[in-house]
Amino acid sequence: MDGSLYAMDQLFGFLANYNAKLRNGYFSYTNNNKEIFRVANALKPGTFDTDTSSHAILLVADLNDVDDAILTVNLMLDFATQFSENFHASICDGNRLPLTKQMISHIR
């Protein structure tokens, strides 16, 4: 929320520990080689590399293409929660407004 840039080495390390794979400039979280959701740079150009700087990431999924949409949303919320705790970040909606714990519980 304050615009501080993430340290890319820490971001890449966190995503690697979360078993996300870097593909075409974004990270993909998969199960049995099927993509569940992506982690992308929320700033232009939307991709990550070692020279990238960003203060915002986004999580996206095609809920029509996953085996279990409810599980996918829960996995994304779990990821967002862990990320926010590790990077002192806020979980926001599509308008970049912070989500309250009550709203996150309601989404679940």
PDB file of N, CA and C in Angstrom:
ATOM      1  N   MET A   1       0.817  -1.192   0.000  1.00  0.00           N
ATOM      2  CA  MET A   1       0.000   0.000   0.000  1.00  0.00           C
ATOM      3  C   MET A   1       0.860   1.256   0.000  1.00  0.00           C
ATOM      4  N   ASP A   2       2.076   1.172   0.587  1.00  0.00           N
ATOM      5  CA  ASP A   2       2.906   2.371   0.667  1.00  0.00           C
ATOM      6  C   ASP A   2       3.785   2.567  -0.559  1.00  0.00           C
ATOM      7  N   GLY A   3       3.735   1.648  -1.503  1.00  0.00           N
ATOM      8  CA  GLY A   3       4.501   1.788  -2.739  1.00  0.00           C
ATOM      9  C   GLY A   3       5.927   1.284  -2.658  1.00  0.00           C
ATOM     10  N   SER A   4       6.315   0.693  -1.523  1.00  0.00           N
ATOM     11  CA  SER A   4       7.668   0.148  -1.404  1.00  0.00           C
ATOM     12  C   SER A   4       7.830  -1.020  -2.370  1.00  0.00           C
ATOM     13  N   LEU A   5       8.976  -1.074  -3.024  1.00  0.00           N
ATOM     14  CA  LEU A   5       9.240  -2.132  -3.999  1.00  0.00           C
ATOM     15  C   LEU A   5       9.630  -3.426  -3.295  1.00  0.00           C
ATOM     16  N   TYR A   6       9.174  -4.530  -3.845  1.00  0.00           N
ATOM     17  CA  TYR A   6       9.581  -5.838  -3.342  1.00  0.00           C
ATOM     18  C   TYR A   6      10.997  -6.119  -3.802  1.00  0.00           C
ATOM     19  N   ALA A   7      11.757  -6.777  -2.942  1.00  0.00           N
ATOM     20  CA  ALA A   7      13.076  -7.272  -3.336  1.00  0.00           C
ATOM     21  C   ALA A   7      12.831  -8.507  -4.200  1.00  0.00           C
ATOM     22  N   MET A   8      13.233  -8.437  -5.469  1.00  0.00           N
ATOM     23  CA  MET A   8      12.912  -9.518  -6.411  1.00  0.00           C
ATOM     24  C   MET A   8      13.515 -10.853  -5.997  1.00  0.00           C
ATOM     25  N   ASP A   9      14.712 -10.848  -5.400  1.00  0.00           N
ATOM     26  CA  ASP A   9      15.297 -12.119  -4.979  1.00  0.00           C
ATOM     27  C   ASP A   9      14.448 -12.760  -3.883  1.00  0.00           C
ATOM     28  N   GLN A  10      13.895 -11.951  -2.981  1.00  0.00           N
ATOM     29  CA  GLN A  10      13.023 -12.490  -1.941  1.00  0.00           C
ATOM     30  C   GLN A  10      11.697 -12.950  -2.530  1.00  0.00           C
ATOM     31  N   LEU A  11      11.158 -12.192  -3.468  1.00  0.00           N
ATOM     32  CA  LEU A  11       9.918 -12.564  -4.124  1.00  0.00           C
ATOM     33  C   LEU A  11      10.071 -13.882  -4.886  1.00  0.00           C
ATOM     34  N   PHE A  12      11.161 -13.986  -5.667  1.00  0.00           N
ATOM     35  CA  PHE A  12      11.416 -15.217  -6.421  1.00  0.00           C
ATOM     36  C   PHE A  12      11.608 -16.390  -5.463  1.00  0.00           C
ATOM     37  N   GLY A  13      12.299 -16.175  -4.357  1.00  0.00           N
ATOM     38  CA  GLY A  13      12.516 -17.228  -3.368  1.00  0.00           C
ATOM     39  C   GLY A  13      11.212 -17.683  -2.738  1.00  0.00           C
ATOM     40  N   PHE A  14      10.365 -16.727  -2.367  1.00  0.00           N
ATOM     41  CA  PHE A  14       9.062 -17.071  -1.786  1.00  0.00           C
ATOM     42  C   PHE A  14       8.250 -17.907  -2.766  1.00  0.00           C
ATOM     43  N   LEU A  15       8.198 -17.472  -4.017  1.00  0.00           N
ATOM     44  CA  LEU A  15       7.419 -18.195  -5.021  1.00  0.00           C
ATOM     45  C   LEU A  15       7.999 -19.572  -5.309  1.00  0.00           C
ATOM     46  N   ALA A  16       9.321 -19.692  -5.299  1.00  0.00           N
ATOM     47  CA  ALA A  16       9.952 -21.002  -5.489  1.00  0.00           C
ATOM     48  C   ALA A  16       9.609 -21.922  -4.315  1.00  0.00           C
ATOM     49  N   ASN A  17       9.633 -21.390  -3.098  1.00  0.00           N
ATOM     50  CA  ASN A  17       9.268 -22.185  -1.925  1.00  0.00           C
ATOM     51  C   ASN A  17       7.798 -22.584  -1.951  1.00  0.00           C
ATOM     52  N   TYR A  18       6.991 -21.811  -2.627  1.00  0.00           N
ATOM     53  CA  TYR A  18       5.570 -22.109  -2.761  1.00  0.00           C
ATOM     54  C   TYR A  18       5.315 -23.056  -3.931  1.00  0.00           C
ATOM     55  N   ASN A  19       6.399 -23.513  -4.568  1.00  0.00           N
ATOM     56  CA  ASN A  19       6.364 -24.432  -5.718  1.00  0.00           C
ATOM     57  C   ASN A  19       5.735 -23.826  -6.965  1.00  0.00           C
ATOM     58  N   ALA A  20       5.811 -22.512  -7.088  1.00  0.00           N
ATOM     59  CA  ALA A  20       5.347 -21.851  -8.313  1.00  0.00           C
ATOM     60  C   ALA A  20       6.488 -21.888  -9.324  1.00  0.00           C
ATOM     61  N   LYS A  21       6.147 -22.061 -10.574  1.00  0.00           N
ATOM     62  CA  LYS A  21       7.138 -22.159 -11.650  1.00  0.00           C
ATOM     63  C   LYS A  21       7.072 -20.917 -12.525  1.00  0.00           C
ATOM     64  N   LEU A  22       8.246 -20.368 -12.846  1.00  0.00           N
ATOM     65  CA  LEU A  22       8.322 -19.210 -13.722  1.00  0.00           C
ATOM     66  C   LEU A  22       8.119 -19.670 -15.158  1.00  0.00           C
ATOM     67  N   ARG A  23       7.084 -19.125 -15.804  1.00  0.00           N
ATOM     68  CA  ARG A  23       6.754 -19.472 -17.189  1.00  0.00           C
ATOM     69  C   ARG A  23       6.351 -18.207 -17.924  1.00  0.00           C
ATOM     70  N   ASN A  24       7.071 -17.902 -18.982  1.00  0.00           N
ATOM     71  CA  ASN A  24       6.733 -16.756 -19.834  1.00  0.00           C
ATOM     72  C   ASN A  24       6.626 -15.442 -19.059  1.00  0.00           C
ATOM     73  N   GLY A  25       7.411 -15.295 -18.011  1.00  0.00           N
ATOM     74  CA  GLY A  25       7.451 -14.046 -17.265  1.00  0.00           C
ATOM     75  C   GLY A  25       6.467 -13.945 -16.116  1.00  0.00           C
ATOM     76  N   TYR A  26       5.661 -14.952 -15.878  1.00  0.00           N
ATOM     77  CA  TYR A  26       4.770 -14.970 -14.726  1.00  0.00           C
ATOM     78  C   TYR A  26       4.978 -16.299 -14.001  1.00  0.00           C
ATOM     79  N   PHE A  27       4.526 -16.362 -12.765  1.00  0.00           N
ATOM     80  CA  PHE A  27       4.635 -17.591 -11.995  1.00  0.00           C
ATOM     81  C   PHE A  27       3.327 -18.355 -12.078  1.00  0.00           C
ATOM     82  N   SER A  28       3.434 -19.649 -12.224  1.00  0.00           N
ATOM     83  CA  SER A  28       2.271 -20.507 -12.352  1.00  0.00           C
ATOM     84  C   SER A  28       2.285 -21.512 -11.209  1.00  0.00           C
ATOM     85  N   TYR A  29       1.177 -21.581 -10.497  1.00  0.00           N
ATOM     86  CA  TYR A  29       0.998 -22.564  -9.449  1.00  0.00           C
ATOM     87  C   TYR A  29       0.170 -23.687 -10.052  1.00  0.00           C
ATOM     88  N   THR A  30       0.728 -24.888 -10.066  1.00  0.00           N
ATOM     89  CA  THR A  30       0.084 -26.003 -10.746  1.00  0.00           C
ATOM     90  C   THR A  30      -0.129 -27.192  -9.811  1.00  0.00           C
ATOM     91  N   ASN A  31      -0.967 -28.099 -10.278  1.00  0.00           N
ATOM     92  CA  ASN A  31      -1.171 -29.376  -9.628  1.00  0.00           C
ATOM     93  C   ASN A  31      -1.250 -30.404 -10.746  1.00  0.00           C
ATOM     94  N   ASN A  32      -0.343 -31.381 -10.722  1.00  0.00           N
ATOM     95  CA  ASN A  32      -0.266 -32.392 -11.784  1.00  0.00           C
ATOM     96  C   ASN A  32      -0.155 -31.745 -13.167  1.00  0.00           C
ATOM     97  N   ASN A  33       0.705 -30.731 -13.262  1.00  0.00           N
ATOM     98  CA  ASN A  33       0.973 -29.987 -14.503  1.00  0.00           C
ATOM     99  C   ASN A  33      -0.231 -29.223 -15.047  1.00  0.00           C
ATOM    100  N   LYS A  34      -1.296 -29.093 -14.289  1.00  0.00           N
ATOM    101  CA  LYS A  34      -2.443 -28.274 -14.692  1.00  0.00           C
ATOM    102  C   LYS A  34      -2.414 -26.979 -13.880  1.00  0.00           C
ATOM    103  N   GLU A  35      -2.475 -25.863 -14.586  1.00  0.00           N
ATOM    104  CA  GLU A  35      -2.406 -24.579 -13.901  1.00  0.00           C
ATOM    105  C   GLU A  35      -3.642 -24.348 -13.038  1.00  0.00           C
ATOM    106  N   ILE A  36      -3.387 -23.916 -11.805  1.00  0.00           N
ATOM    107  CA  ILE A  36      -4.467 -23.574 -10.887  1.00  0.00           C
ATOM    108  C   ILE A  36      -4.653 -22.058 -10.871  1.00  0.00           C
ATOM    109  N   PHE A  37      -3.549 -21.331 -10.654  1.00  0.00           N
ATOM    110  CA  PHE A  37      -3.601 -19.876 -10.735  1.00  0.00           C
ATOM    111  C   PHE A  37      -2.225 -19.331 -11.074  1.00  0.00           C
ATOM    112  N   ARG A  38      -2.210 -18.068 -11.510  1.00  0.00           N
ATOM    113  CA  ARG A  38      -0.971 -17.384 -11.874  1.00  0.00           C
ATOM    114  C   ARG A  38      -0.710 -16.228 -10.926  1.00  0.00           C
ATOM    115  N   VAL A  39       0.572 -15.950 -10.763  1.00  0.00           N
ATOM    116  CA  VAL A  39       1.016 -14.774 -10.025  1.00  0.00           C
ATOM    117  C   VAL A  39       1.745 -13.905 -11.034  1.00  0.00           C
ATOM    118  N   ALA A  40       1.255 -12.684 -11.211  1.00  0.00           N
ATOM    119  CA  ALA A  40       1.831 -11.786 -12.211  1.00  0.00           C
ATOM    120  C   ALA A  40       2.145 -10.440 -11.576  1.00  0.00           C
ATOM    121  N   ASN A  41       3.009  -9.705 -12.235  1.00  0.00           N
ATOM    122  CA  ASN A  41       3.324  -8.345 -11.833  1.00  0.00           C
ATOM    123  C   ASN A  41       2.103  -7.481 -12.160  1.00  0.00           C
ATOM    124  N   ALA A  42       1.593  -6.760 -11.190  1.00  0.00           N
ATOM    125  CA  ALA A  42       0.414  -5.921 -11.426  1.00  0.00           C
ATOM    126  C   ALA A  42       0.774  -4.643 -12.179  1.00  0.00           C
ATOM    127  N   LEU A  43       2.057  -4.386 -12.346  1.00  0.00           N
ATOM    128  CA  LEU A  43       2.505  -3.198 -13.065  1.00  0.00           C
ATOM    129  C   LEU A  43       2.991  -3.593 -14.450  1.00  0.00           C
ATOM    130  N   LYS A  44       2.979  -2.659 -15.361  1.00  0.00           N
ATOM    131  CA  LYS A  44       3.473  -2.931 -16.718  1.00  0.00           C
ATOM    132  C   LYS A  44       4.917  -3.337 -16.648  1.00  0.00           C
ATOM    133  N   PRO A  45       5.351  -4.342 -17.371  1.00  0.00           N
ATOM    134  CA  PRO A  45       4.619  -5.028 -18.438  1.00  0.00           C
ATOM    135  C   PRO A  45       3.832  -6.243 -17.968  1.00  0.00           C
ATOM    136  N   GLY A  46       3.733  -6.469 -16.668  1.00  0.00           N
ATOM    137  CA  GLY A  46       2.945  -7.587 -16.159  1.00  0.00           C
ATOM    138  C   GLY A  46       3.743  -8.854 -15.936  1.00  0.00           C
ATOM    139  N   THR A  47       5.006  -8.811 -16.252  1.00  0.00           N
ATOM    140  CA  THR A  47       5.857  -9.995 -16.119  1.00  0.00           C
ATOM    141  C   THR A  47       6.953  -9.749 -15.088  1.00  0.00           C
ATOM    142  N   PHE A  48       7.630 -10.814 -14.742  1.00  0.00           N
ATOM    143  CA  PHE A  48       8.751 -10.764 -13.809  1.00  0.00           C
ATOM    144  C   PHE A  48      10.022 -11.204 -14.503  1.00  0.00           C
ATOM    145  N   ASP A  49      11.115 -10.557 -14.183  1.00  0.00           N
ATOM    146  CA  ASP A  49      12.450 -11.043 -14.482  1.00  0.00           C
ATOM    147  C   ASP A  49      13.360 -10.447 -13.427  1.00  0.00           C
ATOM    148  N   THR A  50      14.635 -10.750 -13.479  1.00  0.00           N
ATOM    149  CA  THR A  50      15.544 -10.297 -12.426  1.00  0.00           C
ATOM    150  C   THR A  50      15.694  -8.788 -12.389  1.00  0.00           C
ATOM    151  N   ASP A  51      15.358  -8.091 -13.470  1.00  0.00           N
ATOM    152  CA  ASP A  51      15.461  -6.629 -13.506  1.00  0.00           C
ATOM    153  C   ASP A  51      14.132  -5.936 -13.203  1.00  0.00           C
ATOM    154  N   THR A  52      13.105  -6.707 -12.899  1.00  0.00           N
ATOM    155  CA  THR A  52      11.782  -6.156 -12.635  1.00  0.00           C
ATOM    156  C   THR A  52      11.760  -5.441 -11.298  1.00  0.00           C
ATOM    157  N   SER A  53      10.980  -4.391 -11.225  1.00  0.00           N
ATOM    158  CA  SER A  53      10.672  -3.790  -9.937  1.00  0.00           C
ATOM    159  C   SER A  53       9.162  -3.661  -9.850  1.00  0.00           C
ATOM    160  N   SER A  54       8.631  -3.916  -8.685  1.00  0.00           N
ATOM    161  CA  SER A  54       7.186  -3.866  -8.514  1.00  0.00           C
ATOM    162  C   SER A  54       6.840  -3.696  -7.048  1.00  0.00           C
ATOM    163  N   HIS A  55       5.708  -3.096  -6.808  1.00  0.00           N
ATOM    164  CA  HIS A  55       5.168  -3.016  -5.454  1.00  0.00           C
ATOM    165  C   HIS A  55       3.785  -3.665  -5.382  1.00  0.00           C
ATOM    166  N   ALA A  56       3.405  -4.341  -6.479  1.00  0.00           N
ATOM    167  CA  ALA A  56       2.085  -4.963  -6.515  1.00  0.00           C
ATOM    168  C   ALA A  56       2.115  -6.221  -7.376  1.00  0.00           C
ATOM    169  N   ILE A  57       1.480  -7.269  -6.872  1.00  0.00           N
ATOM    170  CA  ILE A  57       1.310  -8.494  -7.663  1.00  0.00           C
ATOM    171  C   ILE A  57      -0.180  -8.776  -7.751  1.00  0.00           C
ATOM    172  N   LEU A  58      -0.544  -9.610  -8.700  1.00  0.00           N
ATOM    173  CA  LEU A  58      -1.939 -10.018  -8.776  1.00  0.00           C
ATOM    174  C   LEU A  58      -2.012 -11.515  -8.982  1.00  0.00           C
ATOM    175  N   LEU A  59      -3.105 -12.069  -8.526  1.00  0.00           N
ATOM    176  CA  LEU A  59      -3.370 -13.494  -8.660  1.00  0.00           C
ATOM    177  C   LEU A  59      -4.553 -13.638  -9.594  1.00  0.00           C
ATOM    178  N   VAL A  60      -4.420 -14.518 -10.573  1.00  0.00           N
ATOM    179  CA  VAL A  60      -5.503 -14.729 -11.539  1.00  0.00           C
ATOM    180  C   VAL A  60      -5.712 -16.213 -11.764  1.00  0.00           C
ATOM    181  N   ALA A  61      -6.968 -16.562 -12.022  1.00  0.00           N
ATOM    182  CA  ALA A  61      -7.313 -17.943 -12.332  1.00  0.00           C
ATOM    183  C   ALA A  61      -8.522 -17.940 -13.254  1.00  0.00           C
ATOM    184  N   ASP A  62      -8.572 -18.938 -14.107  1.00  0.00           N
ATOM    185  CA  ASP A  62      -9.747 -19.159 -14.936  1.00  0.00           C
ATOM    186  C   ASP A  62     -10.600 -20.181 -14.194  1.00  0.00           C
ATOM    187  N   LEU A  63     -11.560 -19.692 -13.418  1.00  0.00           N
ATOM    188  CA  LEU A  63     -12.358 -20.588 -12.585  1.00  0.00           C
ATOM    189  C   LEU A  63     -13.230 -21.525 -13.389  1.00  0.00           C
ATOM    190  N   ASN A  64     -13.435 -21.232 -14.673  1.00  0.00           N
ATOM    191  CA  ASN A  64     -14.177 -22.139 -15.543  1.00  0.00           C
ATOM    192  C   ASN A  64     -13.321 -23.308 -16.012  1.00  0.00           C
ATOM    193  N   ASP A  65     -12.004 -23.189 -15.857  1.00  0.00           N
ATOM    194  CA  ASP A  65     -11.092 -24.199 -16.384  1.00  0.00           C
ATOM    195  C   ASP A  65     -10.453 -25.064 -15.300  1.00  0.00           C
ATOM    196  N   VAL A  66     -10.704 -24.776 -14.035  1.00  0.00           N
ATOM    197  CA  VAL A  66     -10.107 -25.568 -12.958  1.00  0.00           C
ATOM    198  C   VAL A  66     -11.066 -26.677 -12.540  1.00  0.00           C
ATOM    199  N   ASP A  67     -10.522 -27.701 -11.916  1.00  0.00           N
ATOM    200  CA  ASP A  67     -11.338 -28.825 -11.483  1.00  0.00           C
ATOM    201  C   ASP A  67     -12.276 -28.453 -10.338  1.00  0.00           C
ATOM    202  N   ASP A  68     -11.815 -27.578  -9.427  1.00  0.00           N
ATOM    203  CA  ASP A  68     -12.593 -27.222  -8.247  1.00  0.00           C
ATOM    204  C   ASP A  68     -12.428 -25.730  -7.990  1.00  0.00           C
ATOM    205  N   ALA A  69     -13.402 -24.924  -8.390  1.00  0.00           N
ATOM    206  CA  ALA A  69     -13.308 -23.466  -8.277  1.00  0.00           C
ATOM    207  C   ALA A  69     -13.217 -23.016  -6.816  1.00  0.00           C
ATOM    208  N   ILE A  70     -13.954 -23.657  -5.927  1.00  0.00           N
ATOM    209  CA  ILE A  70     -13.915 -23.273  -4.515  1.00  0.00           C
ATOM    210  C   ILE A  70     -12.537 -23.539  -3.929  1.00  0.00           C
ATOM    211  N   LEU A  71     -11.971 -24.689  -4.234  1.00  0.00           N
ATOM    212  CA  LEU A  71     -10.623 -25.007  -3.777  1.00  0.00           C
ATOM    213  C   LEU A  71      -9.615 -24.000  -4.333  1.00  0.00           C
ATOM    214  N   THR A  72      -9.757 -23.633  -5.593  1.00  0.00           N
ATOM    215  CA  THR A  72      -8.841 -22.673  -6.219  1.00  0.00           C
ATOM    216  C   THR A  72      -8.901 -21.336  -5.510  1.00  0.00           C
ATOM    217  N   VAL A  73     -10.095 -20.838  -5.236  1.00  0.00           N
ATOM    218  CA  VAL A  73     -10.240 -19.556  -4.527  1.00  0.00           C
ATOM    219  C   VAL A  73      -9.606 -19.660  -3.147  1.00  0.00           C
ATOM    220  N   ASN A  74      -9.818 -20.767  -2.456  1.00  0.00           N
ATOM    221  CA  ASN A  74      -9.206 -20.943  -1.135  1.00  0.00           C
ATOM    222  C   ASN A  74      -7.687 -20.993  -1.219  1.00  0.00           C
ATOM    223  N   LEU A  75      -7.153 -21.670  -2.236  1.00  0.00           N
ATOM    224  CA  LEU A  75      -5.698 -21.710  -2.415  1.00  0.00           C
ATOM    225  C   LEU A  75      -5.139 -20.311  -2.694  1.00  0.00           C
ATOM    226  N   MET A  76      -5.853 -19.550  -3.502  1.00  0.00           N
ATOM    227  CA  MET A  76      -5.415 -18.189  -3.803  1.00  0.00           C
ATOM    228  C   MET A  76      -5.452 -17.311  -2.549  1.00  0.00           C
ATOM    229  N   LEU A  77      -6.495 -17.453  -1.735  1.00  0.00           N
ATOM    230  CA  LEU A  77      -6.582 -16.684  -0.497  1.00  0.00           C
ATOM    231  C   LEU A  77      -5.496 -17.106   0.486  1.00  0.00           C
ATOM    232  N   ASP A  78      -5.216 -18.402   0.571  1.00  0.00           N
ATOM    233  CA  ASP A  78      -4.128 -18.880   1.436  1.00  0.00           C
ATOM    234  C   ASP A  78      -2.791 -18.311   0.970  1.00  0.00           C
ATOM    235  N   PHE A  79      -2.555 -18.352  -0.349  1.00  0.00           N
ATOM    236  CA  PHE A  79      -1.328 -17.790  -0.899  1.00  0.00           C
ATOM    237  C   PHE A  79      -1.243 -16.298  -0.573  1.00  0.00           C
ATOM    238  N   ALA A  80      -2.328 -15.567  -0.818  1.00  0.00           N
ATOM    239  CA  ALA A  80      -2.339 -14.120  -0.568  1.00  0.00           C
ATOM    240  C   ALA A  80      -2.073 -13.811   0.900  1.00  0.00           C
ATOM    241  N   THR A  81      -2.641 -14.615   1.786  1.00  0.00           N
ATOM    242  CA  THR A  81      -2.433 -14.409   3.220  1.00  0.00           C
ATOM    243  C   THR A  81      -0.975 -14.634   3.596  1.00  0.00           C
ATOM    244  N   GLN A  82      -0.389 -15.733   3.121  1.00  0.00           N
ATOM    245  CA  GLN A  82       1.021 -16.006   3.414  1.00  0.00           C
ATOM    246  C   GLN A  82       1.919 -14.922   2.823  1.00  0.00           C
ATOM    247  N   PHE A  83       1.617 -14.522   1.590  1.00  0.00           N
ATOM    248  CA  PHE A  83       2.413 -13.481   0.948  1.00  0.00           C
ATOM    249  C   PHE A  83       2.330 -12.182   1.744  1.00  0.00           C
ATOM    250  N   SER A  84       1.123 -11.797   2.134  1.00  0.00           N
ATOM    251  CA  SER A  84       0.956 -10.534   2.854  1.00  0.00           C
ATOM    252  C   SER A  84       1.676 -10.562   4.201  1.00  0.00           C
ATOM    253  N   GLU A  85       1.685 -11.712   4.854  1.00  0.00           N
ATOM    254  CA  GLU A  85       2.397 -11.824   6.131  1.00  0.00           C
ATOM    255  C   GLU A  85       3.906 -11.745   5.933  1.00  0.00           C
ATOM    256  N   ASN A  86       4.417 -12.379   4.883  1.00  0.00           N
ATOM    257  CA  ASN A  86       5.859 -12.390   4.639  1.00  0.00           C
ATOM    258  C   ASN A  86       6.391 -11.060   4.113  1.00  0.00           C
ATOM    259  N   PHE A  87       5.587 -10.358   3.344  1.00  0.00           N
ATOM    260  CA  PHE A  87       6.048  -9.128   2.701  1.00  0.00           C
ATOM    261  C   PHE A  87       5.380  -7.878   3.271  1.00  0.00           C
ATOM    262  N   HIS A  88       4.649  -8.034   4.373  1.00  0.00           N
ATOM    263  CA  HIS A  88       3.968  -6.902   5.011  1.00  0.00           C
ATOM    264  C   HIS A  88       3.145  -6.141   3.982  1.00  0.00           C
ATOM    265  N   ALA A  89       2.372  -6.905   3.225  1.00  0.00           N
ATOM    266  CA  ALA A  89       1.552  -6.347   2.146  1.00  0.00           C
ATOM    267  C   ALA A  89       0.073  -6.446   2.521  1.00  0.00           C
ATOM    268  N   SER A  90      -0.735  -5.735   1.791  1.00  0.00           N
ATOM    269  CA  SER A  90      -2.181  -5.783   1.973  1.00  0.00           C
ATOM    270  C   SER A  90      -2.815  -6.622   0.874  1.00  0.00           C
ATOM    271  N   ILE A  91      -3.866  -7.335   1.223  1.00  0.00           N
ATOM    272  CA  ILE A  91      -4.646  -8.060   0.229  1.00  0.00           C
ATOM    273  C   ILE A  91      -5.735  -7.102  -0.236  1.00  0.00           C
ATOM    274  N   CYS A  92      -5.784  -6.878  -1.535  1.00  0.00           N
ATOM    275  CA  CYS A  92      -6.712  -5.886  -2.086  1.00  0.00           C
ATOM    276  C   CYS A  92      -7.633  -6.517  -3.117  1.00  0.00           C
ATOM    277  N   ASP A  93      -8.703  -5.790  -3.417  1.00  0.00           N
ATOM    278  CA  ASP A  93      -9.626  -6.230  -4.457  1.00  0.00           C
ATOM    279  C   ASP A  93      -9.155  -5.708  -5.812  1.00  0.00           C
ATOM    280  N   GLY A  94      -9.962  -5.888  -6.827  1.00  0.00           N
ATOM    281  CA  GLY A  94      -9.608  -5.478  -8.178  1.00  0.00           C
ATOM    282  C   GLY A  94      -9.419  -3.986  -8.347  1.00  0.00           C
ATOM    283  N   ASN A  95      -9.935  -3.207  -7.401  1.00  0.00           N
ATOM    284  CA  ASN A  95      -9.755  -1.752  -7.431  1.00  0.00           C
ATOM    285  C   ASN A  95      -8.616  -1.295  -6.528  1.00  0.00           C
ATOM    286  N   ARG A  96      -7.844  -2.271  -6.043  1.00  0.00           N
ATOM    287  CA  ARG A  96      -6.720  -2.040  -5.127  1.00  0.00           C
ATOM    288  C   ARG A  96      -7.139  -1.401  -3.808  1.00  0.00           C
ATOM    289  N   LEU A  97      -8.336  -1.762  -3.371  1.00  0.00           N
ATOM    290  CA  LEU A  97      -8.806  -1.361  -2.055  1.00  0.00           C
ATOM    291  C   LEU A  97      -8.611  -2.537  -1.114  1.00  0.00           C
ATOM    292  N   PRO A  98      -8.046  -2.297   0.069  1.00  0.00           N
ATOM    293  CA  PRO A  98      -7.760  -3.401   0.992  1.00  0.00           C
ATOM    294  C   PRO A  98      -9.017  -4.181   1.371  1.00  0.00           C
ATOM    295  N   LEU A  99      -8.858  -5.500   1.423  1.00  0.00           N
ATOM    296  CA  LEU A  99      -9.927  -6.383   1.880  1.00  0.00           C
ATOM    297  C   LEU A  99      -9.801  -6.568   3.391  1.00  0.00           C
ATOM    298  N   THR A 100     -10.910  -6.474   4.087  1.00  0.00           N
ATOM    299  CA  THR A 100     -10.904  -6.721   5.519  1.00  0.00           C
ATOM    300  C   THR A 100     -10.909  -8.230   5.762  1.00  0.00           C
ATOM    301  N   LYS A 101     -10.562  -8.622   6.971  1.00  0.00           N
ATOM    302  CA  LYS A 101     -10.615 -10.040   7.327  1.00  0.00           C
ATOM    303  C   LYS A 101     -12.042 -10.561   7.193  1.00  0.00           C
ATOM    304  N   GLN A 102     -13.015  -9.725   7.496  1.00  0.00           N
ATOM    305  CA  GLN A 102     -14.407 -10.120   7.368  1.00  0.00           C
ATOM    306  C   GLN A 102     -14.762 -10.379   5.903  1.00  0.00           C
ATOM    307  N   MET A 103     -14.279  -9.520   4.996  1.00  0.00           N
ATOM    308  CA  MET A 103     -14.571  -9.713   3.572  1.00  0.00           C
ATOM    309  C   MET A 103     -13.869 -10.968   3.051  1.00  0.00           C
ATOM    310  N   ILE A 104     -12.647 -11.215   3.491  1.00  0.00           N
ATOM    311  CA  ILE A 104     -11.928 -12.423   3.077  1.00  0.00           C
ATOM    312  C   ILE A 104     -12.689 -13.651   3.572  1.00  0.00           C
ATOM    313  N   SER A 105     -13.181 -13.607   4.790  1.00  0.00           N
ATOM    314  CA  SER A 105     -13.977 -14.717   5.322  1.00  0.00           C
ATOM    315  C   SER A 105     -15.254 -14.894   4.501  1.00  0.00           C
ATOM    316  N   HIS A 106     -15.870 -13.808   4.097  1.00  0.00           N
ATOM    317  CA  HIS A 106     -17.083 -13.869   3.294  1.00  0.00           C
ATOM    318  C   HIS A 106     -16.789 -14.488   1.918  1.00  0.00           C
ATOM    319  N   ILE A 107     -15.654 -14.138   1.316  1.00  0.00           N
ATOM    320  CA  ILE A 107     -15.261 -14.700   0.023  1.00  0.00           C
ATOM    321  C   ILE A 107     -15.088 -16.213   0.153  1.00  0.00           C
ATOM    322  N   ARG A 108     -14.456 -16.654   1.235  1.00  0.00           N
ATOM    323  CA  ARG A 108     -14.258 -18.088   1.447  1.00  0.00           C
ATOM    324  C   ARG A 108     -15.602 -18.791   1.499  1.00  0.00           C
TER     325      ARG A 108
END
